[in-house]
Amino acid sequence: MSEDSIFTRIMNGEIPSDKVYEDDDCICIKDIAPKAPVHLLLIPRKPIPRLVDATAEDQALLGKLMVKAGEIANEHGVGDAFRLIVNNGEQAGQTVFHLHLHILGGKLFSESQLGF
């Protein structure tokens, strides 16, 4: 049996977090090492390790996460300009293998920050 991710442990109340939203399908917390003035993590309760591991069964959940990301960005004052990032795999920068969306805003992002 695999060990629970840090996000599962946060959702189970084992690790404290600064939650900004939660419902039956997902939670949103402030990132503990923010890369922008607004840096939130939107995490599905279902432990999907990577985006590539999602199946057709997850389509409604993934759609909800996209809509919810926009709503949360609006609520945090960055709805007109924010970056949404999903890292898929270690070589892409994923460090926690529980799918999550980074919502970043409140600063000007340049193309050079993307690395291409």
Protein backbone atom coordinates (compact mmCIF):
# COMPACT_ATOMS: atom_id res chain seq x y z
CA MET A 1 0.00 0.00 0.00
CA SER A 2 1.39 3.41 -0.92
CA GLU A 3 1.85 6.19 1.56
CA ASP A 4 -0.66 9.06 1.53
CA SER A 5 0.50 12.24 -0.20
CA ILE A 6 0.95 15.43 1.78
CA PHE A 7 -2.28 16.67 0.18
CA THR A 8 -4.22 13.64 1.38
CA ARG A 9 -2.80 14.22 4.85
CA ILE A 10 -3.86 17.89 4.69
CA MET A 11 -7.38 16.87 3.63
CA ASN A 12 -7.49 14.35 6.50
CA GLY A 13 -6.57 17.09 8.99
CA GLU A 14 -3.19 15.53 9.83
CA ILE A 15 -1.24 18.56 8.56
CA PRO A 16 -2.41 22.15 9.03
CA SER A 17 -2.99 24.35 6.00
CA ASP A 18 -4.40 27.73 5.12
CA LYS A 19 -7.57 26.65 3.28
CA VAL A 20 -9.36 29.19 1.13
CA TYR A 21 -12.01 26.83 -0.29
CA GLU A 22 -13.32 23.30 0.12
CA ASP A 23 -16.22 21.17 -1.01
CA ASP A 24 -16.94 17.47 -1.50
CA ASP A 25 -14.69 17.26 -4.58
CA CYS A 26 -11.72 19.52 -3.89
CA ILE A 27 -9.88 21.87 -1.59
CA CYS A 28 -7.85 25.00 -2.27
CA ILE A 29 -4.98 26.04 -0.03
CA LYS A 30 -2.34 28.76 0.00
CA ASP A 31 1.04 27.51 -1.22
CA ILE A 32 3.61 27.46 1.59
CA ALA A 33 6.35 28.66 -0.79
CA PRO A 34 4.52 31.15 -3.01
CA LYS A 35 5.97 32.14 -6.39
CA ALA A 36 3.56 35.08 -6.77
CA PRO A 37 1.51 37.34 -4.47
CA VAL A 38 -1.41 34.98 -5.05
CA HIS A 39 -0.30 31.34 -5.20
CA LEU A 40 -2.99 28.80 -4.45
CA LEU A 41 -3.16 25.05 -4.93
CA LEU A 42 -6.46 23.55 -6.09
CA ILE A 43 -6.46 19.85 -5.22
CA PRO A 44 -9.05 17.20 -6.04
CA ARG A 45 -9.97 14.94 -3.14
CA LYS A 46 -9.63 11.97 -5.49
CA PRO A 47 -5.91 11.06 -5.45
CA ILE A 48 -5.01 11.11 -9.15
CA PRO A 49 -1.18 10.91 -9.20
CA ARG A 50 -0.58 12.84 -12.46
CA LEU A 51 -2.77 14.42 -15.10
CA VAL A 52 -1.79 11.66 -17.51
CA ASP A 53 -3.27 9.14 -15.02
CA ALA A 54 -6.73 10.71 -15.28
CA THR A 55 -9.34 8.69 -17.14
CA ALA A 56 -12.62 9.45 -18.90
CA GLU A 57 -14.24 8.81 -15.51
CA ASP A 58 -12.43 11.93 -14.21
CA GLN A 59 -13.66 14.25 -16.96
CA ALA A 60 -16.37 15.95 -14.88
CA LEU A 61 -13.98 16.43 -11.95
CA LEU A 62 -11.28 17.94 -14.19
CA GLY A 63 -13.85 20.28 -15.74
CA LYS A 64 -15.03 21.34 -12.30
CA LEU A 65 -11.43 22.11 -11.28
CA MET A 66 -11.01 24.39 -14.29
CA VAL A 67 -14.22 26.30 -13.55
CA LYS A 68 -13.45 26.46 -9.83
CA ALA A 69 -9.94 27.80 -10.57
CA GLY A 70 -11.49 30.76 -12.37
CA GLU A 71 -13.96 31.40 -9.56
CA ILE A 72 -11.23 31.26 -6.92
CA ALA A 73 -8.97 33.55 -8.98
CA ASN A 74 -11.85 36.06 -9.15
CA GLU A 75 -12.42 35.82 -5.40
CA HIS A 76 -8.73 36.58 -4.80
CA GLY A 77 -8.66 39.61 -7.09
CA VAL A 78 -6.67 38.09 -9.96
CA GLY A 79 -9.50 36.92 -12.22
CA ASP A 80 -8.43 39.22 -15.07
CA ALA A 81 -4.86 37.88 -15.18
CA PHE A 82 -3.65 34.66 -13.64
CA ARG A 83 -1.57 31.67 -14.60
CA LEU A 84 -2.85 28.13 -14.17
CA ILE A 85 -0.16 25.44 -14.04
CA VAL A 86 -0.33 21.65 -13.87
CA ASN A 87 3.03 19.88 -13.65
CA ASN A 88 2.90 16.31 -14.97
CA GLY A 89 5.83 14.17 -13.87
CA GLU A 90 9.11 14.75 -12.10
CA GLN A 91 10.88 16.12 -15.19
CA ALA A 92 8.13 18.74 -15.49
CA GLY A 93 8.64 19.86 -11.91
CA GLN A 94 5.98 17.79 -10.15
CA THR A 95 7.08 17.09 -6.58
CA VAL A 96 3.81 15.88 -5.03
CA PHE A 97 2.24 13.03 -6.96
CA HIS A 98 -1.36 14.00 -6.30
CA LEU A 99 -2.76 16.08 -9.15
CA HIS A 100 -3.07 19.76 -8.28
CA LEU A 101 -3.48 23.06 -10.10
CA HIS A 102 -1.34 26.07 -9.25
CA ILE A 103 -3.27 29.36 -9.45
CA LEU A 104 -0.76 32.23 -9.64
CA GLY A 105 -1.51 35.92 -9.95
CA GLY A 106 -0.86 39.41 -8.69
CA LYS A 107 2.30 39.98 -10.74
CA LEU A 108 3.38 40.39 -14.34
CA PHE A 109 4.54 37.11 -15.85
CA SER A 110 6.98 37.10 -18.75
CA GLU A 111 7.44 34.49 -21.45
CA SER A 112 11.05 33.99 -20.31
CA GLN A 113 9.75 32.58 -17.03
CA LEU A 114 8.31 29.65 -18.96
CA GLY A 115 11.73 28.55 -20.16
CA PHE A 116 10.86 28.56 -23.88
